[in-house]
Amino acid sequence: MSGTLLLVEDDDAIATVIIAALEDEGFQIVRCVSIAERNDNLSAAAFDVMLTDVMLEDGDGLESLAEVRRYAPDMPVIVLSAQNTLDTAVRASDSNAFEYFPKPFDLDELVRAVRQAAGDRERSLDSFPESDSDAMPMVGRSPAMQGVYRMITRVLRNDLTVLVTGESGTGKELVAEAIHQLGNRRTGPFVAVNTAAIPHDLIESELFGHEKGAFTGAVVQAIGKFEQANGGTLFLDEIGDMPAEAQTRLLRALQAGRIRRVGGRQEIAVNVRIIAATNRDLAPLIAAGKFREDLFYRLNVVPIELPPLRERREDIEVLSQHFLAQAAEDGLPRRQLGSDALARLEQRNWRGNVRELRNVIYRLSLMSREDTIDAASLVDILGEEPPLPGDGTADADGGIGAALDIWLAIEEPASGTVYASALAAFEKPLIEHALSRTGGNQLRAAKLLGINRNTLRKRITELRIEPDRFTRPL
């Protein structure tokens, strides 16, 4: 593969890595660092592919893509961005970008995308509908959430059935709402139904409606969720709890695009996009004969798996700030989190995931006596959380408890200052040890400690740690 590529990237380190990788693939690369330079190059020469950052010194690389289309209407554009939000991913798709990569990106994936773009100049994408970024309901910039965002953008232009899986509290309905609000059915209704909350003998009536007199209590005709969602999206939550008979009727409706009300004779055509969700593993249910395998394959056309919060702890800071702002808008006192309190939140188990974090932040906003919530007040309000079984927490025999006992015997801190004093005494050597173990790599050290990289950087600065002395020579 060979070709010409225009690289618009103002970060020297990132540009060097990209150029080295793509030159090995035979590409001839012209690099520039601004929108003005980009336009000058496009007016002077033709390129097979353009790779562009979003935030440039003289403007927004995404907002100015209309100018690029005037110079090269068919040239594939690949977007890179450190602004890793669903808003950015959708904006990239709105701009007819060939592909979008959040930073940090997988270099091999980027190279494959460039090769594909260079060999597929004729590919064109329909325009996305304009979206209101203020309505974006999803928050998170972790690599796990970037994968979710990219999957969402891939299903906005089509009506493929989506199955969203994940633990309770991870935000499955938010994914469904985002797909609806940003997709080609956004002008139609969004109807959500929790199949686990409906009595089994009423679920068919709830979904498909019923005619007057169809059963005891059916005194009037009722329109079901399928008809209510006609022209829009039907979100079926907790699909794994649907009874067998309703599964059969749902499968028939998905296959035929038609439904029949309970007690009715006439088939009714419905035009509905289905998004289903479950917090259960459907494979054992299928094996036990409790969930239809053919229905599973009908629903699982595009799977989107939401990670639990404990697997994306780097998102806890931005989620906490988001919920603090929400709490203030809802009339609670405006609070902020101290770095020590944030570190404690990042270390909690979060069995209830994002929903639990939101509730915790609201409780802290209400009950904190100070505008800035520190670790001591956090523990006072929430209490100490018991560790998960087998989480490696050291016990008092020869572990952190023994070390704390020795420290207390030597330091004898004043009454009421034990927590703050112990944190100060143990935090710096702990961070230094993590940096030493990882050769000064702050990203790996943050993962080792189970905290956000930005939090680690703040603590390195506040504790006056010199990270360079841990860097191993190449």
Protein backbone atom coordinates (compact mmCIF):
# COMPACT_ATOMS: atom_id res chain seq x y z
CA MET A 1 0.00 0.00 0.00
CA SER A 2 1.22 3.50 -0.81
CA GLY A 3 -0.32 6.91 -1.12
CA THR A 4 -0.15 10.49 0.02
CA LEU A 5 -1.39 11.63 3.40
CA LEU A 6 -1.87 15.06 4.92
CA LEU A 7 -1.27 14.95 8.68
CA VAL A 8 -2.71 17.89 10.66
CA GLU A 9 -1.30 17.43 14.16
CA ASP A 10 0.35 20.00 16.44
CA ASP A 11 1.72 17.50 18.97
CA ASP A 12 5.28 16.66 17.90
CA ALA A 13 5.46 13.39 19.80
CA ILE A 14 2.21 12.02 18.35
CA ALA A 15 3.12 13.23 14.86
CA THR A 16 6.52 11.50 15.04
CA VAL A 17 4.96 8.16 15.97
CA ILE A 18 2.30 8.39 13.25
CA ILE A 19 4.78 9.42 10.56
CA ALA A 20 7.15 6.57 11.41
CA ALA A 21 4.37 3.98 11.31
CA LEU A 22 2.83 5.20 8.05
CA GLU A 23 6.12 5.73 6.24
CA ASP A 24 6.83 2.04 6.94
CA GLU A 25 3.58 1.37 5.07
CA GLY A 26 4.84 3.32 2.05
CA PHE A 27 2.86 6.54 2.55
CA GLN A 28 4.28 9.92 1.60
CA ILE A 29 3.35 12.29 4.38
CA VAL A 30 3.04 16.06 4.57
CA ARG A 31 2.62 17.39 8.08
CA CYS A 32 1.15 20.71 9.16
CA VAL A 33 0.08 22.10 12.53
CA SER A 34 -2.79 24.49 11.81
CA ILE A 35 -5.95 24.96 9.79
CA ALA A 36 -4.30 27.69 7.72
CA GLU A 37 -1.38 25.41 6.79
CA ARG A 38 -3.82 22.60 6.04
CA ASN A 39 -5.77 24.75 3.58
CA ASP A 40 -2.56 25.92 1.90
CA ASN A 41 -1.48 22.31 1.34
CA LEU A 42 -4.90 21.24 0.07
CA SER A 43 -4.99 24.09 -2.42
CA ALA A 44 -1.53 23.15 -3.73
CA ALA A 45 -1.75 19.33 -3.99
CA ALA A 46 -4.09 16.34 -3.89
CA PHE A 47 -3.94 13.80 -1.07
CA ASP A 48 -5.36 10.31 -0.75
CA VAL A 49 -6.17 10.64 2.96
CA MET A 50 -6.17 13.35 5.63
CA LEU A 51 -5.54 12.61 9.30
CA THR A 52 -6.46 15.53 11.54
CA ASP A 53 -6.53 16.49 15.20
CA VAL A 54 -9.56 18.41 16.50
CA MET A 55 -8.07 21.10 18.75
CA LEU A 56 -5.58 23.09 16.68
CA GLU A 57 -3.85 26.37 17.38
CA ASP A 58 -6.12 28.38 15.09
CA GLY A 59 -9.45 26.61 15.48
CA ASP A 60 -11.49 23.45 15.61
CA GLY A 61 -10.45 20.86 13.04
CA LEU A 62 -13.93 19.33 13.00
CA GLU A 63 -15.88 22.56 12.58
CA SER A 64 -13.69 23.50 9.61
CA LEU A 65 -14.07 20.24 7.67
CA ALA A 66 -16.56 21.97 5.38
CA GLU A 67 -13.57 23.94 4.01
CA VAL A 68 -11.73 20.65 3.39
CA ARG A 69 -14.66 19.36 1.33
CA ARG A 70 -14.36 22.38 -0.98
CA TYR A 71 -10.77 21.42 -1.80
CA ALA A 72 -11.19 17.62 -1.84
CA PRO A 73 -14.84 16.51 -1.64
CA ASP A 74 -14.05 12.77 -1.90
CA MET A 75 -10.93 12.58 0.27
CA PRO A 76 -11.41 10.33 3.33
CA VAL A 77 -10.77 12.15 6.62
CA ILE A 78 -9.73 10.36 9.82
CA VAL A 79 -10.20 12.32 13.05
CA LEU A 80 -8.04 12.16 16.18
CA SER A 81 -9.13 13.82 19.41
CA ALA A 82 -8.16 14.08 23.06
CA GLN A 83 -11.67 15.45 23.73
CA ASN A 84 -12.92 11.93 24.31
CA THR A 85 -16.66 12.38 24.71
CA LEU A 86 -19.70 11.00 22.92
CA ASP A 87 -20.24 14.55 21.62
CA THR A 88 -16.89 14.46 19.79
CA ALA A 89 -17.52 10.99 18.37
CA VAL A 90 -20.89 12.08 17.00
CA ARG A 91 -19.49 15.35 15.65
CA ALA A 92 -16.87 13.35 13.77
CA SER A 93 -19.60 11.20 12.21
CA ASP A 94 -21.74 14.29 11.52
CA SER A 95 -18.78 15.61 9.54
CA ASN A 96 -18.69 12.44 7.40
CA ALA A 97 -15.36 11.39 8.89
CA PHE A 98 -14.12 8.05 7.59
CA GLU A 99 -13.12 7.03 11.11
CA TYR A 100 -12.67 8.55 14.56
CA PHE A 101 -9.93 7.66 17.06
CA PRO A 102 -9.81 8.96 20.63
CA LYS A 103 -6.39 9.64 22.13
CA PRO A 104 -4.56 7.58 23.22
CA PHE A 105 -5.24 5.37 20.21
CA ASP A 106 -4.14 1.92 19.10
CA LEU A 107 -1.47 2.57 16.46
CA ASP A 108 -2.12 -0.71 14.63
CA GLU A 109 -5.83 0.13 14.36
CA LEU A 110 -4.99 3.60 13.08
CA VAL A 111 -2.65 2.19 10.41
CA ARG A 112 -5.33 -0.28 9.29
CA ALA A 113 -7.88 2.53 9.02
CA VAL A 114 -5.51 4.65 6.92
CA ARG A 115 -4.81 1.70 4.61
CA GLN A 116 -8.53 1.07 4.23
CA ALA A 117 -9.27 4.76 3.60
CA ALA A 118 -6.54 5.01 0.95
CA GLY A 119 -7.93 1.97 -0.84
CA ASP A 120 -11.55 3.04 -0.57
CA ARG A 121 -11.69 6.59 -1.94
CA GLU A 122 -15.18 6.03 -3.29
CA ARG A 123 -16.68 5.32 0.12
CA SER A 124 -19.25 7.93 1.07
CA LEU A 125 -21.41 8.22 4.16
CA ASP A 126 -24.85 9.75 4.48
CA SER A 127 -24.95 12.84 6.63
CA PHE A 128 -25.95 12.44 10.24
CA PRO A 129 -28.79 14.52 11.57
CA GLU A 130 -27.69 17.51 13.53
CA SER A 131 -27.53 16.74 17.24
CA ASP A 132 -27.84 18.86 20.32
CA SER A 133 -24.62 18.30 22.27
CA ASP A 134 -26.25 19.67 25.43
CA ALA A 135 -28.54 16.63 25.38
CA MET A 136 -25.66 14.13 25.47
CA PRO A 137 -26.49 11.95 28.45
CA MET A 138 -23.32 9.85 28.63
CA VAL A 139 -20.19 10.80 30.54
CA GLY A 140 -16.81 9.09 30.45
CA ARG A 141 -13.47 9.33 28.66
CA SER A 142 -11.92 5.95 29.46
CA PRO A 143 -10.84 3.61 26.65
CA ALA A 144 -13.74 1.31 27.57
CA MET A 145 -16.26 4.11 27.06
CA GLN A 146 -14.59 5.19 23.82
CA GLY A 147 -15.42 1.72 22.49
CA VAL A 148 -19.05 2.23 23.52
CA TYR A 149 -19.17 5.64 21.82
CA ARG A 150 -17.76 4.25 18.60
CA MET A 151 -20.32 1.44 18.57
CA ILE A 152 -23.11 3.98 19.10
CA THR A 153 -21.97 6.08 16.15
CA ARG A 154 -21.94 2.98 13.93
CA VAL A 155 -25.67 2.29 14.44
CA LEU A 156 -27.08 5.81 14.14
CA ARG A 157 -27.59 5.70 10.36
CA ASN A 158 -29.37 2.36 10.30
CA ASP A 159 -32.20 0.53 12.06
CA LEU A 160 -30.27 -2.58 13.10
CA THR A 161 -31.44 -4.19 16.33
CA VAL A 162 -29.12 -3.52 19.27
CA LEU A 163 -28.62 -5.61 22.41
CA VAL A 164 -27.08 -3.64 25.30
CA THR A 165 -25.59 -5.73 28.10
CA GLY A 166 -24.04 -4.76 31.41
CA GLU A 167 -24.52 -4.80 35.15
CA SER A 168 -27.33 -2.87 36.81
CA GLY A 169 -26.53 0.82 37.08
CA THR A 170 -24.10 1.01 34.14
CA GLY A 171 -26.43 3.15 32.00
CA LYS A 172 -28.03 0.79 29.48
CA GLU A 173 -31.10 2.99 29.00
CA LEU A 174 -28.81 5.99 28.42
CA VAL A 175 -27.25 4.11 25.50
CA ALA A 176 -30.70 3.44 24.06
CA GLU A 177 -31.71 7.09 24.48
CA ALA A 178 -28.48 8.28 22.85
CA ILE A 179 -29.01 6.02 19.83
CA HIS A 180 -32.57 7.31 19.47
CA GLN A 181 -31.88 11.00 20.09
CA LEU A 182 -28.89 11.14 17.74
CA GLY A 183 -30.09 8.72 15.08
CA ASN A 184 -32.40 8.85 12.10
CA ARG A 185 -35.50 8.14 14.25
CA ARG A 186 -35.01 11.08 16.61
CA THR A 187 -38.24 12.77 15.45
CA GLY A 188 -40.26 9.67 16.35
CA PRO A 189 -41.29 8.45 19.81
CA PHE A 190 -38.95 6.74 22.25
CA VAL A 191 -40.88 4.18 24.29
CA ALA A 192 -39.19 2.30 27.14
CA VAL A 193 -40.66 -0.73 28.87
CA ASN A 194 -39.12 -2.74 31.70
CA THR A 195 -40.24 -6.28 30.98
CA ALA A 196 -39.19 -7.42 34.46
CA ALA A 197 -41.64 -4.99 36.09
CA ILE A 198 -44.75 -6.22 34.26
CA PRO A 199 -46.75 -9.19 35.57
CA HIS A 200 -46.25 -12.16 33.25
CA ASP A 201 -49.95 -12.42 32.47
CA LEU A 202 -50.07 -8.80 31.32
CA ILE A 203 -46.84 -8.46 29.33
CA GLU A 204 -48.35 -9.41 25.96
CA SER A 205 -51.11 -6.85 26.44
CA GLU A 206 -48.52 -4.26 27.46
CA LEU A 207 -46.41 -4.87 24.35
CA PHE A 208 -49.04 -5.58 21.70
CA GLY A 209 -52.20 -4.00 23.13
CA HIS A 210 -55.60 -5.65 23.49
CA GLU A 211 -59.12 -5.38 22.21
CA LYS A 212 -62.12 -4.63 24.39
CA GLY A 213 -63.29 -7.82 26.11
CA ALA A 214 -60.12 -9.76 25.32
CA PHE A 215 -59.86 -10.79 28.98
CA THR A 216 -61.39 -9.99 32.34
CA GLY A 217 -60.79 -6.32 33.03
CA ALA A 218 -60.26 -5.35 29.37
CA VAL A 219 -63.16 -2.90 29.36
CA VAL A 220 -61.70 -0.72 26.59
CA GLN A 221 -59.31 -1.16 23.69
CA ALA A 222 -55.66 -0.50 24.62
CA ILE A 223 -52.76 0.43 22.34
CA GLY A 224 -49.56 -1.48 23.16
CA LYS A 225 -45.96 -0.30 23.27
CA PHE A 226 -45.23 -1.45 19.71
CA GLU A 227 -47.93 0.78 18.28
CA GLN A 228 -46.98 3.65 20.60
CA ALA A 229 -43.39 3.43 19.30
CA ASN A 230 -44.39 3.29 15.62
CA GLY A 231 -41.92 5.35 13.60
CA GLY A 232 -39.53 5.51 16.52
CA THR A 233 -37.66 3.30 18.97
CA LEU A 234 -38.88 0.64 21.40
CA PHE A 235 -36.50 -0.05 24.28
CA LEU A 236 -37.08 -3.44 25.92
CA ASP A 237 -35.23 -3.42 29.22
CA GLU A 238 -34.41 -6.61 31.18
CA ILE A 239 -35.31 -8.75 28.18
CA GLY A 240 -33.89 -11.81 29.94
CA ASP A 241 -36.90 -11.83 32.29
CA MET A 242 -39.50 -12.04 29.54
CA PRO A 243 -41.78 -15.12 29.82
CA ALA A 244 -41.57 -17.82 27.13
CA GLU A 245 -44.94 -17.16 25.45
CA ALA A 246 -44.20 -13.44 25.13
CA GLN A 247 -40.78 -14.31 23.66
CA THR A 248 -42.52 -16.29 20.92
CA ARG A 249 -44.83 -13.41 20.03
CA LEU A 250 -41.94 -10.92 20.14
CA LEU A 251 -39.92 -13.07 17.75
CA ARG A 252 -42.89 -13.25 15.37
CA ALA A 253 -43.29 -9.46 15.50
CA LEU A 254 -39.59 -8.91 14.77
CA GLN A 255 -39.66 -11.33 11.83
CA ALA A 256 -42.84 -10.03 10.23
CA GLY A 257 -42.85 -6.37 11.23
CA ARG A 258 -46.49 -6.85 12.21
CA ILE A 259 -48.31 -7.36 15.50
CA ARG A 260 -51.76 -8.51 16.60
CA ARG A 261 -53.46 -7.14 19.67
CA VAL A 262 -54.52 -9.64 22.32
CA GLY A 263 -58.04 -10.76 21.37
CA GLY A 264 -57.73 -9.18 17.95
CA ARG A 265 -57.89 -10.71 14.48
CA GLN A 266 -56.29 -7.99 12.39
CA GLU A 267 -52.54 -7.79 11.91
CA ILE A 268 -51.11 -4.30 12.24
CA ALA A 269 -47.91 -3.21 10.47
CA VAL A 270 -45.42 -1.47 12.75
CA ASN A 271 -42.20 0.34 11.87
CA VAL A 272 -40.17 0.16 15.06
CA ARG A 273 -36.48 0.03 15.86
CA ILE A 274 -35.79 -2.41 18.70
CA ILE A 275 -33.11 -1.85 21.34
CA ALA A 276 -33.05 -4.51 24.04
CA ALA A 277 -31.04 -4.65 27.25
CA THR A 278 -30.27 -7.10 30.00
CA ASN A 279 -28.07 -7.40 33.07
CA ARG A 280 -28.20 -11.19 32.84
CA ASP A 281 -25.97 -13.61 30.97
CA LEU A 282 -28.35 -15.01 28.35
CA ALA A 283 -26.20 -18.04 27.46
CA PRO A 284 -27.13 -20.06 30.60
CA LEU A 285 -30.80 -19.09 30.12
CA ILE A 286 -30.69 -20.36 26.54
CA ALA A 287 -29.02 -23.60 27.68
CA ALA A 288 -31.72 -24.06 30.33
CA GLY A 289 -34.49 -23.47 27.80
CA LYS A 290 -35.62 -20.24 29.50
CA PHE A 291 -34.69 -17.92 26.63
CA ARG A 292 -35.22 -18.62 22.94
CA GLU A 293 -31.97 -18.96 21.02
CA ASP A 294 -33.56 -17.71 17.79
CA LEU A 295 -34.83 -14.61 19.61
CA PHE A 296 -31.34 -14.00 20.98
CA TYR A 297 -29.89 -13.97 17.47
CA ARG A 298 -32.65 -11.62 16.32
CA LEU A 299 -31.84 -9.20 19.14
CA ASN A 300 -28.05 -9.55 19.15
CA VAL A 301 -27.45 -8.05 15.71
CA VAL A 302 -25.26 -5.29 17.18
CA PRO A 303 -24.05 -6.03 20.72
CA ILE A 304 -22.92 -3.16 22.95
CA GLU A 305 -21.44 -4.14 26.30
CA LEU A 306 -21.23 -1.50 29.03
CA PRO A 307 -18.27 -1.91 31.40
CA PRO A 308 -18.82 -1.80 35.17
CA LEU A 309 -17.52 1.31 36.90
CA ARG A 310 -14.75 -0.64 38.66
CA GLU A 311 -13.26 -1.34 35.21
CA ARG A 312 -13.18 2.34 34.23
CA ARG A 313 -12.14 4.06 37.43
CA GLU A 314 -10.48 6.83 35.42
CA ASP A 315 -14.02 8.07 34.64
CA ILE A 316 -14.94 8.54 38.30
CA GLU A 317 -13.51 12.07 38.44
CA VAL A 318 -15.41 13.39 35.42
CA LEU A 319 -18.58 11.56 36.49
CA SER A 320 -18.31 13.02 39.99
CA GLN A 321 -17.91 16.55 38.64
CA HIS A 322 -20.90 15.98 36.36
CA PHE A 323 -23.09 14.80 39.24
CA LEU A 324 -21.91 17.62 41.53
CA ALA A 325 -23.07 20.10 38.89
CA GLN A 326 -26.36 18.22 38.49
CA ALA A 327 -26.93 18.23 42.24
CA ALA A 328 -26.39 21.99 42.36
CA GLU A 329 -28.87 22.46 39.48
CA ASP A 330 -31.35 20.38 41.46
CA GLY A 331 -31.14 22.80 44.38
CA LEU A 332 -28.54 21.11 46.60
CA PRO A 333 -25.55 23.08 47.92
CA ARG A 334 -22.75 23.53 45.40
CA ARG A 335 -19.81 21.36 46.48
CA GLN A 336 -16.42 20.36 45.19
CA LEU A 337 -14.29 17.29 45.87
CA GLY A 338 -10.90 17.45 47.48
CA SER A 339 -8.18 15.32 45.87
CA ASP A 340 -8.06 12.98 48.88
CA ALA A 341 -11.84 12.45 48.72
CA LEU A 342 -11.63 11.76 44.98
CA ALA A 343 -8.90 9.21 45.61
CA ARG A 344 -11.17 7.44 48.10
CA LEU A 345 -14.05 7.41 45.61
CA GLU A 346 -11.77 5.94 42.96
CA GLN A 347 -10.89 3.09 45.29
CA ARG A 348 -14.46 2.08 46.24
CA ASN A 349 -16.04 -1.11 44.93
CA TRP A 350 -19.09 0.49 43.22
CA ARG A 351 -21.30 -2.58 43.18
CA GLY A 352 -24.14 -0.33 41.95
CA ASN A 353 -21.96 1.26 39.26
CA VAL A 354 -22.72 4.74 37.90
CA ARG A 355 -26.16 4.86 39.53
CA GLU A 356 -24.57 4.27 42.94
CA LEU A 357 -21.94 6.96 42.29
CA ARG A 358 -24.65 9.46 41.41
CA ASN A 359 -26.55 8.69 44.61
CA VAL A 360 -23.36 8.98 46.67
CA ILE A 361 -22.51 12.38 45.16
CA TYR A 362 -26.02 13.66 45.88
CA ARG A 363 -25.76 12.43 49.47
CA LEU A 364 -22.37 14.10 49.90
CA SER A 365 -23.72 17.35 48.43
CA LEU A 366 -26.60 17.31 50.90
CA MET A 367 -24.80 16.23 54.05
CA SER A 368 -21.34 17.78 53.83
CA ARG A 369 -20.77 20.66 56.26
CA GLU A 370 -18.08 22.20 54.07
CA ASP A 371 -18.06 23.40 50.48
CA THR A 372 -15.02 21.21 49.77
CA ILE A 373 -15.58 17.55 50.60
CA ASP A 374 -12.43 15.97 52.00
CA ALA A 375 -11.67 12.32 52.70
CA ALA A 376 -12.43 12.57 56.40
CA SER A 377 -15.93 13.99 55.83
CA LEU A 378 -16.50 11.46 53.04
CA VAL A 379 -15.79 8.58 55.44
CA ASP A 380 -17.89 10.26 58.12
CA ILE A 381 -20.88 10.46 55.78
CA LEU A 382 -20.50 7.18 53.89
CA GLY A 383 -18.66 5.05 56.42
CA GLU A 384 -15.87 2.65 55.59
CA GLU A 385 -16.76 0.31 52.76
CA PRO A 386 -16.01 -3.38 53.37
CA PRO A 387 -13.54 -4.78 50.82
CA LEU A 388 -14.66 -7.17 48.13
CA PRO A 389 -13.72 -10.80 48.92
CA GLY A 390 -10.25 -11.58 47.64
CA ASP A 391 -9.41 -7.99 46.72
CA GLY A 392 -5.92 -8.31 48.22
CA THR A 393 -6.52 -5.92 51.09
CA ALA A 394 -3.70 -6.42 53.62
CA ASP A 395 -4.65 -7.49 57.12
CA ALA A 396 -3.16 -6.22 60.34
CA ASP A 397 -0.67 -9.09 60.66
CA GLY A 398 2.46 -7.96 58.89
CA GLY A 399 0.50 -5.76 56.42
CA ILE A 400 -0.65 -2.14 56.41
CA GLY A 401 -2.16 -2.57 59.88
CA ALA A 402 1.21 -3.54 61.38
CA ALA A 403 2.92 -0.66 59.59
CA LEU A 404 0.28 1.74 60.89
CA ASP A 405 0.74 0.48 64.45
CA ILE A 406 4.49 1.10 64.24
CA TRP A 407 3.94 4.55 62.79
CA LEU A 408 1.44 5.45 65.51
CA ALA A 409 3.90 4.37 68.20
CA ILE A 410 6.62 6.58 66.73
CA GLU A 411 4.64 9.64 65.63
CA GLU A 412 1.90 9.82 68.30
CA PRO A 413 -0.26 12.26 66.30
CA ALA A 414 -2.69 14.50 68.09
CA SER A 415 -6.17 13.14 68.76
CA GLY A 416 -8.47 13.59 65.75
CA THR A 417 -5.63 13.89 63.23
CA VAL A 418 -4.78 10.22 62.75
CA TYR A 419 -6.40 9.84 59.32
CA ALA A 420 -4.89 12.98 57.75
CA SER A 421 -1.48 12.36 59.33
CA ALA A 422 -1.37 8.71 58.27
CA LEU A 423 -2.43 9.57 54.73
CA ALA A 424 0.36 12.12 54.45
CA ALA A 425 2.91 9.69 55.90
CA PHE A 426 2.04 6.73 53.69
CA GLU A 427 0.86 8.33 50.46
CA LYS A 428 4.19 9.73 49.26
CA PRO A 429 6.23 6.51 49.68
CA LEU A 430 3.36 4.54 48.15
CA ILE A 431 3.32 6.72 45.02
CA GLU A 432 7.12 6.64 44.83
CA HIS A 433 7.07 2.85 45.07
CA ALA A 434 4.51 2.63 42.25
CA LEU A 435 6.63 4.94 40.07
CA SER A 436 9.69 2.85 40.83
CA ARG A 437 7.85 -0.36 39.92
CA THR A 438 6.72 1.10 36.57
CA GLY A 439 9.95 2.87 35.62
CA GLY A 440 8.38 6.29 36.02
CA ASN A 441 5.45 5.53 33.71
CA GLN A 442 2.66 7.56 35.31
CA LEU A 443 -0.16 5.89 33.36
CA ARG A 444 0.93 2.43 34.51
CA ALA A 445 1.56 3.70 38.04
CA ALA A 446 -1.95 5.15 38.21
CA LYS A 447 -3.42 1.83 37.06
CA LEU A 448 -1.29 -0.02 39.63
CA LEU A 449 -2.60 2.25 42.38
CA GLY A 450 -6.17 2.12 41.07
CA ILE A 451 -6.52 5.89 40.71
CA ASN A 452 -7.04 8.35 37.88
CA ARG A 453 -3.88 9.51 36.06
CA ASN A 454 -4.84 13.16 36.55
CA THR A 455 -5.24 12.52 40.28
CA LEU A 456 -1.78 10.94 40.36
CA ARG A 457 -0.27 13.93 38.59
CA LYS A 458 -1.88 16.31 41.09
CA ARG A 459 -0.59 14.33 44.04
CA ILE A 460 2.92 14.13 42.52
CA THR A 461 2.93 17.93 42.30
CA GLU A 462 1.40 18.50 45.74
CA LEU A 463 3.73 16.01 47.44
CA ARG A 464 6.75 17.42 45.55
CA ILE A 465 7.72 14.06 44.11
CA GLU A 466 10.32 14.11 41.32
CA PRO A 467 9.04 11.50 38.85
CA ASP A 468 12.05 11.84 36.51
CA ARG A 469 14.31 10.10 39.00
CA PHE A 470 12.31 6.90 38.55
CA THR A 471 12.50 6.89 34.75
CA ARG A 472 14.48 3.99 33.42
CA PRO A 473 16.89 4.68 30.54
CA LEU A 474 15.80 3.32 27.14
